[in-house]
Amino acid sequence: MSENVVNLPDSLYEDYSKLKLTSSPPYASSSSAPPPGLTVVAQPTVEMILQWVYDLHKPNSPKFDFALHNLAYHRDNFEFLPSLLWESKNTVYIMLQEVFVAYRHLVGHISLRLFPHPLNPLRVYNVLLLFQSMAYHPDTSRRFLRAKMPNYFYPLMDLGLIDKRHECLRLAALGVIAHMLKASEDGAVSRYLMESGAVGFCAKPVEFGSIETKTVAVYILDKIMSTDEGLHYCCVLADRFFVIDELLKKLLVYLSSMYRPSSCLFNLVIGCYVKLSQKSRARDGIRRYTPFLLFDGTFARLYAEDPVADNNRIQLIQNLEN
């Protein structure tokens, strides 16, 4: 698979403001105005960054949202920011509290009187963007993994909800995991994700998510299967293979319903099948439960227009005939 497919465009898992899904902030709705005071400082100084991190320690203050919003907006402009957030006392703990609030509201409909305050999706969203920076930065990525941080984001990935607010959180949480994989060079992240059951947490994003969410979820699967250990993990048990096969087939059905199927998502799907077909047990499973949409002409135009997709198709056929 070509490099531009294995490494998705950064806009898919770095700057969610560029996606159609989040062209407006996650708090926006037809009946609500943006929260006051969340303006963006055009050119902050280092002193302002330090002050904003200090203001994160005041979660009940109006300064908190302003500081968080600006830190998330400028997260790529200050190289030291991920280390500063990670190393400053209690800052990560305070940020995680916002993620925990989101947990409560995901199940809070059964006991609303225990959680009377409405969920602030923008606050959680901005926190997740900062966690993405820590997950990717070379000075914090290994510490992020050693702290087993992915476990905190799985519940936000595992949402069976389709409204826009929850979709923003699901996409941003997936982005944290994608950042970890993008930063990993030795397979340590893939090993941890396998051990912690990350593959299973990609199921609901594939089933309920937007096309961007589906793409990032399959990117995670593809990256895991790009290592020998990851591919073995996905194929060693029949149940795991069938879970992945079912997800990939759902995506093929989804893509077949589109007038112009996403070539990026399609290449990831067929790329996953190419990887699976390298293992004899999975190859037998693909032969027996063939993904016919890949071969019956449904995506003929895409194959004709995209040499990468066509090469993957040819490689898959060769593997299955082996």
C-alpha atoms as a PDB file:
ATOM      1  CA  MET A   1       0.000   0.000   0.000  1.00  0.00           C
ATOM      2  CA  SER A   2       1.336   3.422  -0.860  1.00  0.00           C
ATOM      3  CA  GLU A   3       2.652   5.774   1.807  1.00  0.00           C
ATOM      4  CA  ASN A   4      -0.086   8.346   1.244  1.00  0.00           C
ATOM      5  CA  VAL A   5      -2.708   5.748   2.150  1.00  0.00           C
ATOM      6  CA  VAL A   6      -0.958   4.303   5.193  1.00  0.00           C
ATOM      7  CA  ASN A   7      -0.429   7.824   6.542  1.00  0.00           C
ATOM      8  CA  LEU A   8      -3.780   9.528   6.255  1.00  0.00           C
ATOM      9  CA  PRO A   9      -3.966  13.253   5.589  1.00  0.00           C
ATOM     10  CA  ASP A  10      -3.293  15.131   8.806  1.00  0.00           C
ATOM     11  CA  SER A  11      -6.649  16.873   8.558  1.00  0.00           C
ATOM     12  CA  LEU A  12      -8.368  13.613   9.417  1.00  0.00           C
ATOM     13  CA  TYR A  13      -6.856  13.285  12.822  1.00  0.00           C
ATOM     14  CA  GLU A  14      -5.231  16.563  13.691  1.00  0.00           C
ATOM     15  CA  ASP A  15      -7.288  19.598  12.730  1.00  0.00           C
ATOM     16  CA  TYR A  16     -10.938  18.675  13.038  1.00  0.00           C
ATOM     17  CA  SER A  17     -11.992  22.236  12.352  1.00  0.00           C
ATOM     18  CA  LYS A  18     -11.348  21.493   8.655  1.00  0.00           C
ATOM     19  CA  LEU A  19     -13.877  18.673   8.519  1.00  0.00           C
ATOM     20  CA  LYS A  20     -17.411  19.305   7.336  1.00  0.00           C
ATOM     21  CA  LEU A  21     -18.635  17.601  10.471  1.00  0.00           C
ATOM     22  CA  THR A  22     -17.138  20.276  12.662  1.00  0.00           C
ATOM     23  CA  SER A  23     -17.218  23.294  10.403  1.00  0.00           C
ATOM     24  CA  SER A  24     -19.167  24.851  13.245  1.00  0.00           C
ATOM     25  CA  PRO A  25     -18.130  24.346  16.876  1.00  0.00           C
ATOM     26  CA  PRO A  26     -19.591  21.305  18.657  1.00  0.00           C
ATOM     27  CA  TYR A  27     -21.673  23.496  20.946  1.00  0.00           C
ATOM     28  CA  ALA A  28     -23.443  25.143  18.022  1.00  0.00           C
ATOM     29  CA  SER A  29     -27.084  24.440  17.292  1.00  0.00           C
ATOM     30  CA  SER A  30     -29.959  26.205  15.667  1.00  0.00           C
ATOM     31  CA  SER A  31     -31.175  27.454  19.020  1.00  0.00           C
ATOM     32  CA  SER A  32     -27.971  28.365  20.810  1.00  0.00           C
ATOM     33  CA  ALA A  33     -25.259  30.968  20.391  1.00  0.00           C
ATOM     34  CA  PRO A  34     -21.555  30.371  20.973  1.00  0.00           C
ATOM     35  CA  PRO A  35     -20.526  30.721  24.614  1.00  0.00           C
ATOM     36  CA  PRO A  36     -19.387  34.270  25.384  1.00  0.00           C
ATOM     37  CA  GLY A  37     -15.708  35.025  25.886  1.00  0.00           C
ATOM     38  CA  LEU A  38     -14.301  32.265  23.664  1.00  0.00           C
ATOM     39  CA  THR A  39     -12.427  34.564  21.353  1.00  0.00           C
ATOM     40  CA  VAL A  40      -9.078  33.478  19.949  1.00  0.00           C
ATOM     41  CA  VAL A  41      -5.939  35.461  20.637  1.00  0.00           C
ATOM     42  CA  ALA A  42      -4.194  35.856  17.290  1.00  0.00           C
ATOM     43  CA  GLN A  43      -0.564  35.849  18.419  1.00  0.00           C
ATOM     44  CA  PRO A  44      -0.168  34.752  22.036  1.00  0.00           C
ATOM     45  CA  THR A  45       3.127  35.124  23.849  1.00  0.00           C
ATOM     46  CA  VAL A  46       4.890  32.470  25.903  1.00  0.00           C
ATOM     47  CA  GLU A  47       3.767  34.312  29.028  1.00  0.00           C
ATOM     48  CA  MET A  48       0.154  34.045  27.870  1.00  0.00           C
ATOM     49  CA  ILE A  49       0.536  30.300  27.278  1.00  0.00           C
ATOM     50  CA  LEU A  50       1.885  29.884  30.800  1.00  0.00           C
ATOM     51  CA  GLN A  51      -0.992  31.925  32.202  1.00  0.00           C
ATOM     52  CA  TRP A  52      -3.549  29.870  30.299  1.00  0.00           C
ATOM     53  CA  VAL A  53      -2.109  26.617  31.669  1.00  0.00           C
ATOM     54  CA  TYR A  54      -2.338  28.161  35.143  1.00  0.00           C
ATOM     55  CA  ASP A  55      -5.976  29.101  34.438  1.00  0.00           C
ATOM     56  CA  LEU A  56      -6.766  25.449  33.689  1.00  0.00           C
ATOM     57  CA  HIS A  57      -6.449  24.892  37.419  1.00  0.00           C
ATOM     58  CA  LYS A  58      -9.601  26.976  37.905  1.00  0.00           C
ATOM     59  CA  PRO A  59     -12.257  24.803  36.227  1.00  0.00           C
ATOM     60  CA  ASN A  60     -15.129  26.754  37.782  1.00  0.00           C
ATOM     61  CA  SER A  61     -13.801  30.088  36.593  1.00  0.00           C
ATOM     62  CA  PRO A  62     -14.809  31.782  33.301  1.00  0.00           C
ATOM     63  CA  LYS A  63     -11.084  31.934  32.564  1.00  0.00           C
ATOM     64  CA  PHE A  64     -10.959  28.154  32.223  1.00  0.00           C
ATOM     65  CA  ASP A  65     -12.925  27.939  28.972  1.00  0.00           C
ATOM     66  CA  PHE A  66     -11.088  30.877  27.442  1.00  0.00           C
ATOM     67  CA  ALA A  67      -7.703  29.378  28.345  1.00  0.00           C
ATOM     68  CA  LEU A  68      -8.643  25.892  27.180  1.00  0.00           C
ATOM     69  CA  HIS A  69     -10.055  27.136  23.881  1.00  0.00           C
ATOM     70  CA  ASN A  70      -6.935  29.158  23.084  1.00  0.00           C
ATOM     71  CA  LEU A  71      -4.533  26.406  24.122  1.00  0.00           C
ATOM     72  CA  ALA A  72      -6.342  23.962  21.838  1.00  0.00           C
ATOM     73  CA  TYR A  73      -6.376  26.468  18.983  1.00  0.00           C
ATOM     74  CA  HIS A  74      -2.637  27.179  19.261  1.00  0.00           C
ATOM     75  CA  ARG A  75      -1.575  23.629  20.188  1.00  0.00           C
ATOM     76  CA  ASP A  76       0.595  23.258  17.067  1.00  0.00           C
ATOM     77  CA  ASN A  77       2.256  26.643  17.391  1.00  0.00           C
ATOM     78  CA  PHE A  78       4.200  26.074  20.609  1.00  0.00           C
ATOM     79  CA  GLU A  79       6.541  23.082  20.603  1.00  0.00           C
ATOM     80  CA  PHE A  80       6.852  23.041  24.383  1.00  0.00           C
ATOM     81  CA  LEU A  81       3.107  22.979  25.084  1.00  0.00           C
ATOM     82  CA  PRO A  82       2.594  19.162  25.286  1.00  0.00           C
ATOM     83  CA  SER A  83       5.488  18.829  27.742  1.00  0.00           C
ATOM     84  CA  LEU A  84       4.249  21.776  29.747  1.00  0.00           C
ATOM     85  CA  LEU A  85       0.766  20.300  30.034  1.00  0.00           C
ATOM     86  CA  TRP A  86       2.099  16.854  30.940  1.00  0.00           C
ATOM     87  CA  GLU A  87       4.644  18.003  33.493  1.00  0.00           C
ATOM     88  CA  SER A  88       2.787  20.825  35.240  1.00  0.00           C
ATOM     89  CA  LYS A  89       1.325  19.525  38.467  1.00  0.00           C
ATOM     90  CA  ASN A  90      -2.232  18.153  38.298  1.00  0.00           C
ATOM     91  CA  THR A  91      -2.945  19.584  34.830  1.00  0.00           C
ATOM     92  CA  VAL A  92      -3.539  16.218  33.145  1.00  0.00           C
ATOM     93  CA  TYR A  93      -5.685  15.156  36.106  1.00  0.00           C
ATOM     94  CA  ILE A  94      -7.816  18.298  35.733  1.00  0.00           C
ATOM     95  CA  MET A  95      -8.198  17.694  32.011  1.00  0.00           C
ATOM     96  CA  LEU A  96      -9.251  14.105  32.623  1.00  0.00           C
ATOM     97  CA  GLN A  97     -11.975  15.334  34.940  1.00  0.00           C
ATOM     98  CA  GLU A  98     -13.639  16.889  31.897  1.00  0.00           C
ATOM     99  CA  VAL A  99     -13.518  13.520  30.141  1.00  0.00           C
ATOM    100  CA  PHE A 100     -15.069  11.900  33.225  1.00  0.00           C
ATOM    101  CA  VAL A 101     -17.899  14.444  33.143  1.00  0.00           C
ATOM    102  CA  ALA A 102     -18.621  13.305  29.598  1.00  0.00           C
ATOM    103  CA  TYR A 103     -18.792   9.685  30.819  1.00  0.00           C
ATOM    104  CA  ARG A 104     -21.424  10.617  33.389  1.00  0.00           C
ATOM    105  CA  HIS A 105     -23.575  12.337  30.816  1.00  0.00           C
ATOM    106  CA  LEU A 106     -23.343   9.397  28.438  1.00  0.00           C
ATOM    107  CA  VAL A 107     -25.192   7.330  31.013  1.00  0.00           C
ATOM    108  CA  GLY A 108     -26.652  10.258  32.958  1.00  0.00           C
ATOM    109  CA  HIS A 109     -30.036  10.090  31.263  1.00  0.00           C
ATOM    110  CA  ILE A 110     -30.960   7.362  33.742  1.00  0.00           C
ATOM    111  CA  SER A 111     -30.142   9.555  36.762  1.00  0.00           C
ATOM    112  CA  LEU A 112     -30.158  13.178  35.636  1.00  0.00           C
ATOM    113  CA  ARG A 113     -30.651  14.488  39.145  1.00  0.00           C
ATOM    114  CA  LEU A 114     -27.140  13.254  39.985  1.00  0.00           C
ATOM    115  CA  PHE A 115     -25.640  15.282  37.113  1.00  0.00           C
ATOM    116  CA  PRO A 116     -27.718  18.442  36.830  1.00  0.00           C
ATOM    117  CA  HIS A 117     -25.200  20.447  34.781  1.00  0.00           C
ATOM    118  CA  PRO A 118     -25.430  20.138  30.986  1.00  0.00           C
ATOM    119  CA  LEU A 119     -22.573  18.618  29.063  1.00  0.00           C
ATOM    120  CA  ASN A 120     -20.246  21.164  27.459  1.00  0.00           C
ATOM    121  CA  PRO A 121     -19.079  19.353  24.299  1.00  0.00           C
ATOM    122  CA  LEU A 122     -16.723  22.147  23.271  1.00  0.00           C
ATOM    123  CA  ARG A 123     -14.851  21.897  26.574  1.00  0.00           C
ATOM    124  CA  VAL A 124     -14.381  18.130  26.225  1.00  0.00           C
ATOM    125  CA  TYR A 125     -13.531  18.499  22.544  1.00  0.00           C
ATOM    126  CA  ASN A 126     -10.772  21.015  23.276  1.00  0.00           C
ATOM    127  CA  VAL A 127      -9.385  18.777  26.013  1.00  0.00           C
ATOM    128  CA  LEU A 128      -9.202  15.896  23.535  1.00  0.00           C
ATOM    129  CA  LEU A 129      -7.352  18.063  21.023  1.00  0.00           C
ATOM    130  CA  LEU A 130      -4.716  18.812  23.658  1.00  0.00           C
ATOM    131  CA  PHE A 131      -4.463  15.115  24.488  1.00  0.00           C
ATOM    132  CA  GLN A 132      -3.826  14.467  20.788  1.00  0.00           C
ATOM    133  CA  SER A 133      -0.823  16.770  20.976  1.00  0.00           C
ATOM    134  CA  MET A 134       0.542  14.941  24.014  1.00  0.00           C
ATOM    135  CA  ALA A 135      -0.062  11.571  22.335  1.00  0.00           C
ATOM    136  CA  TYR A 136       2.041  12.584  19.334  1.00  0.00           C
ATOM    137  CA  HIS A 137       4.788  14.810  20.730  1.00  0.00           C
ATOM    138  CA  PRO A 138       8.181  13.008  20.988  1.00  0.00           C
ATOM    139  CA  ASP A 139       8.756  14.255  24.545  1.00  0.00           C
ATOM    140  CA  THR A 140       5.420  12.999  25.883  1.00  0.00           C
ATOM    141  CA  SER A 141       4.266  10.146  23.635  1.00  0.00           C
ATOM    142  CA  ARG A 142       6.072   7.380  25.533  1.00  0.00           C
ATOM    143  CA  ARG A 143       4.976   8.726  28.899  1.00  0.00           C
ATOM    144  CA  PHE A 144       1.461   8.994  27.524  1.00  0.00           C
ATOM    145  CA  LEU A 145       1.576   5.299  26.644  1.00  0.00           C
ATOM    146  CA  ARG A 146       3.170   4.218  29.944  1.00  0.00           C
ATOM    147  CA  ALA A 147       0.333   5.951  31.774  1.00  0.00           C
ATOM    148  CA  LYS A 148      -2.123   3.762  29.794  1.00  0.00           C
ATOM    149  CA  MET A 149      -3.961   6.842  28.622  1.00  0.00           C
ATOM    150  CA  PRO A 150      -5.920   5.142  25.781  1.00  0.00           C
ATOM    151  CA  ASN A 151      -8.197   3.545  28.377  1.00  0.00           C
ATOM    152  CA  TYR A 152      -9.662   6.957  29.158  1.00  0.00           C
ATOM    153  CA  PHE A 153     -10.726   7.529  25.556  1.00  0.00           C
ATOM    154  CA  TYR A 154     -12.260   4.170  24.691  1.00  0.00           C
ATOM    155  CA  PRO A 155     -15.652   5.021  26.283  1.00  0.00           C
ATOM    156  CA  LEU A 156     -15.952   8.072  24.035  1.00  0.00           C
ATOM    157  CA  MET A 157     -15.189   5.919  21.002  1.00  0.00           C
ATOM    158  CA  ASP A 158     -17.740   3.325  22.088  1.00  0.00           C
ATOM    159  CA  LEU A 159     -20.804   5.511  21.519  1.00  0.00           C
ATOM    160  CA  GLY A 160     -23.909   4.238  19.776  1.00  0.00           C
ATOM    161  CA  LEU A 161     -25.166   7.802  19.267  1.00  0.00           C
ATOM    162  CA  ILE A 162     -25.348   9.694  15.994  1.00  0.00           C
ATOM    163  CA  ASP A 163     -26.040  13.301  17.000  1.00  0.00           C
ATOM    164  CA  LYS A 164     -23.450  15.851  16.027  1.00  0.00           C
ATOM    165  CA  ARG A 165     -22.252  16.673  19.532  1.00  0.00           C
ATOM    166  CA  HIS A 166     -21.398  13.097  20.397  1.00  0.00           C
ATOM    167  CA  GLU A 167     -19.938  12.508  16.945  1.00  0.00           C
ATOM    168  CA  CYS A 168     -17.438  15.319  17.578  1.00  0.00           C
ATOM    169  CA  LEU A 169     -16.313  13.655  20.797  1.00  0.00           C
ATOM    170  CA  ARG A 170     -16.085  10.222  19.154  1.00  0.00           C
ATOM    171  CA  LEU A 171     -13.984  11.598  16.313  1.00  0.00           C
ATOM    172  CA  ALA A 172     -11.655  13.539  18.612  1.00  0.00           C
ATOM    173  CA  ALA A 173     -11.188  10.495  20.892  1.00  0.00           C
ATOM    174  CA  LEU A 174     -10.307   8.345  17.880  1.00  0.00           C
ATOM    175  CA  GLY A 175      -7.863  11.067  16.925  1.00  0.00           C
ATOM    176  CA  VAL A 176      -5.963  10.574  20.170  1.00  0.00           C
ATOM    177  CA  ILE A 177      -5.420   6.893  19.354  1.00  0.00           C
ATOM    178  CA  ALA A 178      -4.488   7.733  15.750  1.00  0.00           C
ATOM    179  CA  HIS A 179      -1.919  10.250  16.996  1.00  0.00           C
ATOM    180  CA  MET A 180      -0.381   7.591  19.230  1.00  0.00           C
ATOM    181  CA  LEU A 181      -0.034   5.206  16.300  1.00  0.00           C
ATOM    182  CA  LYS A 182       1.350   7.918  14.062  1.00  0.00           C
ATOM    183  CA  ALA A 183       4.066   8.688  16.623  1.00  0.00           C
ATOM    184  CA  SER A 184       5.019   5.069  17.323  1.00  0.00           C
ATOM    185  CA  GLU A 185       8.040   3.635  15.537  1.00  0.00           C
ATOM    186  CA  ASP A 186       8.619   0.412  17.475  1.00  0.00           C
ATOM    187  CA  GLY A 187       5.169  -1.173  17.622  1.00  0.00           C
ATOM    188  CA  ALA A 188       4.738  -0.470  21.343  1.00  0.00           C
ATOM    189  CA  VAL A 189       1.475   1.396  20.797  1.00  0.00           C
ATOM    190  CA  SER A 190       0.056  -1.375  18.605  1.00  0.00           C
ATOM    191  CA  ARG A 191       0.931  -3.946  21.265  1.00  0.00           C
ATOM    192  CA  TYR A 192      -0.786  -1.947  23.963  1.00  0.00           C
ATOM    193  CA  LEU A 193      -3.862  -1.336  21.832  1.00  0.00           C
ATOM    194  CA  MET A 194      -4.135  -5.062  21.180  1.00  0.00           C
ATOM    195  CA  GLU A 195      -3.773  -5.892  24.870  1.00  0.00           C
ATOM    196  CA  SER A 196      -6.401  -3.329  25.848  1.00  0.00           C
ATOM    197  CA  GLY A 197      -8.986  -4.397  23.261  1.00  0.00           C
ATOM    198  CA  ALA A 198      -8.862  -1.313  21.027  1.00  0.00           C
ATOM    199  CA  VAL A 199      -9.989  -3.303  17.986  1.00  0.00           C
ATOM    200  CA  GLY A 200     -13.372  -3.890  19.595  1.00  0.00           C
ATOM    201  CA  PHE A 201     -13.764  -0.194  20.342  1.00  0.00           C
ATOM    202  CA  CYS A 202     -13.540   0.588  16.617  1.00  0.00           C
ATOM    203  CA  ALA A 203     -16.846  -1.228  15.979  1.00  0.00           C
ATOM    204  CA  LYS A 204     -19.293   1.531  16.901  1.00  0.00           C
ATOM    205  CA  PRO A 205     -17.351   4.269  15.106  1.00  0.00           C
ATOM    206  CA  VAL A 206     -17.573   2.133  11.968  1.00  0.00           C
ATOM    207  CA  GLU A 207     -21.280   1.453  12.472  1.00  0.00           C
ATOM    208  CA  PHE A 208     -22.536   4.835  13.691  1.00  0.00           C
ATOM    209  CA  GLY A 209     -19.862   7.374  12.749  1.00  0.00           C
ATOM    210  CA  SER A 210     -19.506   9.858   9.932  1.00  0.00           C
ATOM    211  CA  ILE A 211     -17.238   9.110   6.993  1.00  0.00           C
ATOM    212  CA  GLU A 212     -14.377  10.894   8.782  1.00  0.00           C
ATOM    213  CA  THR A 213     -14.927   8.792  11.902  1.00  0.00           C
ATOM    214  CA  LYS A 214     -15.137   5.570   9.886  1.00  0.00           C
ATOM    215  CA  THR A 215     -11.910   6.488   8.108  1.00  0.00           C
ATOM    216  CA  VAL A 216      -9.961   7.144  11.309  1.00  0.00           C
ATOM    217  CA  ALA A 217     -11.325   3.939  12.875  1.00  0.00           C
ATOM    218  CA  VAL A 218     -10.165   1.854   9.893  1.00  0.00           C
ATOM    219  CA  TYR A 219      -6.847   3.700   9.892  1.00  0.00           C
ATOM    220  CA  ILE A 220      -6.366   2.416  13.454  1.00  0.00           C
ATOM    221  CA  LEU A 221      -7.149  -1.146  12.362  1.00  0.00           C
ATOM    222  CA  ASP A 222      -4.842  -0.822   9.363  1.00  0.00           C
ATOM    223  CA  LYS A 223      -1.962   0.478  11.490  1.00  0.00           C
ATOM    224  CA  ILE A 224      -2.364  -2.351  13.997  1.00  0.00           C
ATOM    225  CA  MET A 225      -2.327  -4.918  11.193  1.00  0.00           C
ATOM    226  CA  SER A 226       0.753  -3.262   9.688  1.00  0.00           C
ATOM    227  CA  THR A 227       2.890  -4.974  12.331  1.00  0.00           C
ATOM    228  CA  ASP A 228       3.532  -8.713  12.403  1.00  0.00           C
ATOM    229  CA  GLU A 229       2.242  -8.914  15.972  1.00  0.00           C
ATOM    230  CA  GLY A 230      -0.872  -6.965  15.116  1.00  0.00           C
ATOM    231  CA  LEU A 231      -1.678  -9.075  12.081  1.00  0.00           C
ATOM    232  CA  HIS A 232      -1.161 -12.252  14.095  1.00  0.00           C
ATOM    233  CA  TYR A 233      -3.448 -10.881  16.823  1.00  0.00           C
ATOM    234  CA  CYS A 234      -6.228 -10.166  14.330  1.00  0.00           C
ATOM    235  CA  CYS A 235      -6.008 -13.597  12.701  1.00  0.00           C
ATOM    236  CA  VAL A 236      -5.090 -16.023  15.479  1.00  0.00           C
ATOM    237  CA  LEU A 237      -8.671 -16.386  16.739  1.00  0.00           C
ATOM    238  CA  ALA A 238     -11.619 -16.929  14.406  1.00  0.00           C
ATOM    239  CA  ASP A 239     -13.811 -14.580  16.461  1.00  0.00           C
ATOM    240  CA  ARG A 240     -11.397 -11.687  15.950  1.00  0.00           C
ATOM    241  CA  PHE A 241     -11.188 -12.296  12.230  1.00  0.00           C
ATOM    242  CA  PHE A 242     -14.965 -12.403  11.873  1.00  0.00           C
ATOM    243  CA  VAL A 243     -15.408  -9.175  13.871  1.00  0.00           C
ATOM    244  CA  ILE A 244     -12.966  -7.376  11.581  1.00  0.00           C
ATOM    245  CA  ASP A 245     -14.412  -8.991   8.444  1.00  0.00           C
ATOM    246  CA  GLU A 246     -17.913  -7.898   9.433  1.00  0.00           C
ATOM    247  CA  LEU A 247     -16.763  -4.319  10.019  1.00  0.00           C
ATOM    248  CA  LEU A 248     -14.990  -4.200   6.659  1.00  0.00           C
ATOM    249  CA  LYS A 249     -18.037  -5.586   4.853  1.00  0.00           C
ATOM    250  CA  LYS A 250     -20.282  -2.987   6.484  1.00  0.00           C
ATOM    251  CA  LEU A 251     -17.934  -0.330   5.173  1.00  0.00           C
ATOM    252  CA  LEU A 252     -18.092  -1.786   1.673  1.00  0.00           C
ATOM    253  CA  VAL A 253     -21.882  -1.637   1.767  1.00  0.00           C
ATOM    254  CA  TYR A 254     -21.662   1.947   3.035  1.00  0.00           C
ATOM    255  CA  LEU A 255     -19.231   2.923   0.266  1.00  0.00           C
ATOM    256  CA  SER A 256     -21.354   1.206  -2.388  1.00  0.00           C
ATOM    257  CA  SER A 257     -24.246   3.512  -1.480  1.00  0.00           C
ATOM    258  CA  MET A 258     -22.192   6.643  -2.256  1.00  0.00           C
ATOM    259  CA  TYR A 259     -22.242   8.263  -5.678  1.00  0.00           C
ATOM    260  CA  ARG A 260     -18.527   9.048  -5.334  1.00  0.00           C
ATOM    261  CA  PRO A 261     -17.043   6.604  -2.809  1.00  0.00           C
ATOM    262  CA  SER A 262     -14.204   7.910  -0.674  1.00  0.00           C
ATOM    263  CA  SER A 263     -10.999   6.559  -2.195  1.00  0.00           C
ATOM    264  CA  CYS A 264      -9.148   7.070   1.089  1.00  0.00           C
ATOM    265  CA  LEU A 265     -11.607   4.956   3.076  1.00  0.00           C
ATOM    266  CA  PHE A 266     -11.881   2.364   0.297  1.00  0.00           C
ATOM    267  CA  ASN A 267      -8.111   1.944   0.066  1.00  0.00           C
ATOM    268  CA  LEU A 268      -7.910   1.410   3.802  1.00  0.00           C
ATOM    269  CA  VAL A 269     -10.643  -1.237   3.646  1.00  0.00           C
ATOM    270  CA  ILE A 270      -9.118  -3.186   0.761  1.00  0.00           C
ATOM    271  CA  GLY A 271      -5.667  -2.669   2.304  1.00  0.00           C
ATOM    272  CA  CYS A 272      -6.904  -4.382   5.469  1.00  0.00           C
ATOM    273  CA  TYR A 273      -8.097  -7.310   3.370  1.00  0.00           C
ATOM    274  CA  VAL A 274      -4.717  -7.502   1.630  1.00  0.00           C
ATOM    275  CA  LYS A 275      -3.005  -7.698   5.019  1.00  0.00           C
ATOM    276  CA  LEU A 276      -5.444 -10.320   6.326  1.00  0.00           C
ATOM    277  CA  SER A 277      -4.924 -12.423   3.195  1.00  0.00           C
ATOM    278  CA  GLN A 278      -1.247 -12.782   4.086  1.00  0.00           C
ATOM    279  CA  LYS A 279      -2.211 -15.190   6.897  1.00  0.00           C
ATOM    280  CA  SER A 280      -3.357 -18.652   5.878  1.00  0.00           C
ATOM    281  CA  ARG A 281      -6.285 -18.914   8.326  1.00  0.00           C
ATOM    282  CA  ALA A 282      -7.616 -15.479   7.416  1.00  0.00           C
ATOM    283  CA  ARG A 283      -7.052 -16.224   3.743  1.00  0.00           C
ATOM    284  CA  ASP A 284      -9.244 -19.307   4.075  1.00  0.00           C
ATOM    285  CA  GLY A 285     -11.877 -17.183   5.822  1.00  0.00           C
ATOM    286  CA  ILE A 286     -11.856 -14.582   3.048  1.00  0.00           C
ATOM    287  CA  ARG A 287     -12.207 -17.330   0.427  1.00  0.00           C
ATOM    288  CA  ARG A 288     -15.141 -18.871   2.268  1.00  0.00           C
ATOM    289  CA  TYR A 289     -16.869 -15.581   3.125  1.00  0.00           C
ATOM    290  CA  THR A 290     -15.799 -13.565   0.112  1.00  0.00           C
ATOM    291  CA  PRO A 291     -16.329  -9.779   0.146  1.00  0.00           C
ATOM    292  CA  PHE A 292     -18.036  -9.926  -3.259  1.00  0.00           C
ATOM    293  CA  LEU A 293     -18.439  -6.146  -3.525  1.00  0.00           C
ATOM    294  CA  LEU A 294     -14.693  -5.925  -4.093  1.00  0.00           C
ATOM    295  CA  PHE A 295     -14.903  -8.101  -7.203  1.00  0.00           C
ATOM    296  CA  ASP A 296     -18.373  -7.762  -8.771  1.00  0.00           C
ATOM    297  CA  GLY A 297     -17.866  -4.438 -10.529  1.00  0.00           C
ATOM    298  CA  THR A 298     -19.438  -2.280  -7.816  1.00  0.00           C
ATOM    299  CA  PHE A 299     -16.235  -0.239  -7.523  1.00  0.00           C
ATOM    300  CA  ALA A 300     -15.118  -0.558 -11.165  1.00  0.00           C
ATOM    301  CA  ARG A 301     -14.951   3.214 -11.644  1.00  0.00           C
ATOM    302  CA  LEU A 302     -12.875   3.640  -8.515  1.00  0.00           C
ATOM    303  CA  TYR A 303     -10.424   0.956  -9.663  1.00  0.00           C
ATOM    304  CA  ALA A 304     -10.171   2.659 -13.047  1.00  0.00           C
ATOM    305  CA  GLU A 305      -9.459   6.062 -11.504  1.00  0.00           C
ATOM    306  CA  ASP A 306      -7.210   5.019  -8.616  1.00  0.00           C
ATOM    307  CA  PRO A 307      -4.128   2.893  -9.409  1.00  0.00           C
ATOM    308  CA  VAL A 308      -3.530   2.241  -5.698  1.00  0.00           C
ATOM    309  CA  ALA A 309      -6.971   0.681  -5.323  1.00  0.00           C
ATOM    310  CA  ASP A 310      -6.495  -1.418  -8.450  1.00  0.00           C
ATOM    311  CA  ASN A 311      -3.069  -2.613  -7.317  1.00  0.00           C
ATOM    312  CA  ASN A 312      -4.560  -3.622  -3.979  1.00  0.00           C
ATOM    313  CA  ARG A 313      -7.312  -5.540  -5.774  1.00  0.00           C
ATOM    314  CA  ILE A 314      -4.745  -7.397  -7.878  1.00  0.00           C
ATOM    315  CA  GLN A 315      -2.626  -8.160  -4.813  1.00  0.00           C
ATOM    316  CA  LEU A 316      -5.645  -9.468  -2.925  1.00  0.00           C
ATOM    317  CA  ILE A 317      -6.602 -11.765  -5.808  1.00  0.00           C
ATOM    318  CA  GLN A 318      -3.043 -13.078  -6.032  1.00  0.00           C
ATOM    319  CA  ASN A 319      -2.957 -13.764  -2.292  1.00  0.00           C
ATOM    320  CA  LEU A 320      -6.288 -15.585  -2.403  1.00  0.00           C
ATOM    321  CA  GLU A 321      -5.116 -17.719  -5.329  1.00  0.00           C
ATOM    322  CA  ASN A 322      -1.913 -18.634  -3.497  1.00  0.00           C
END
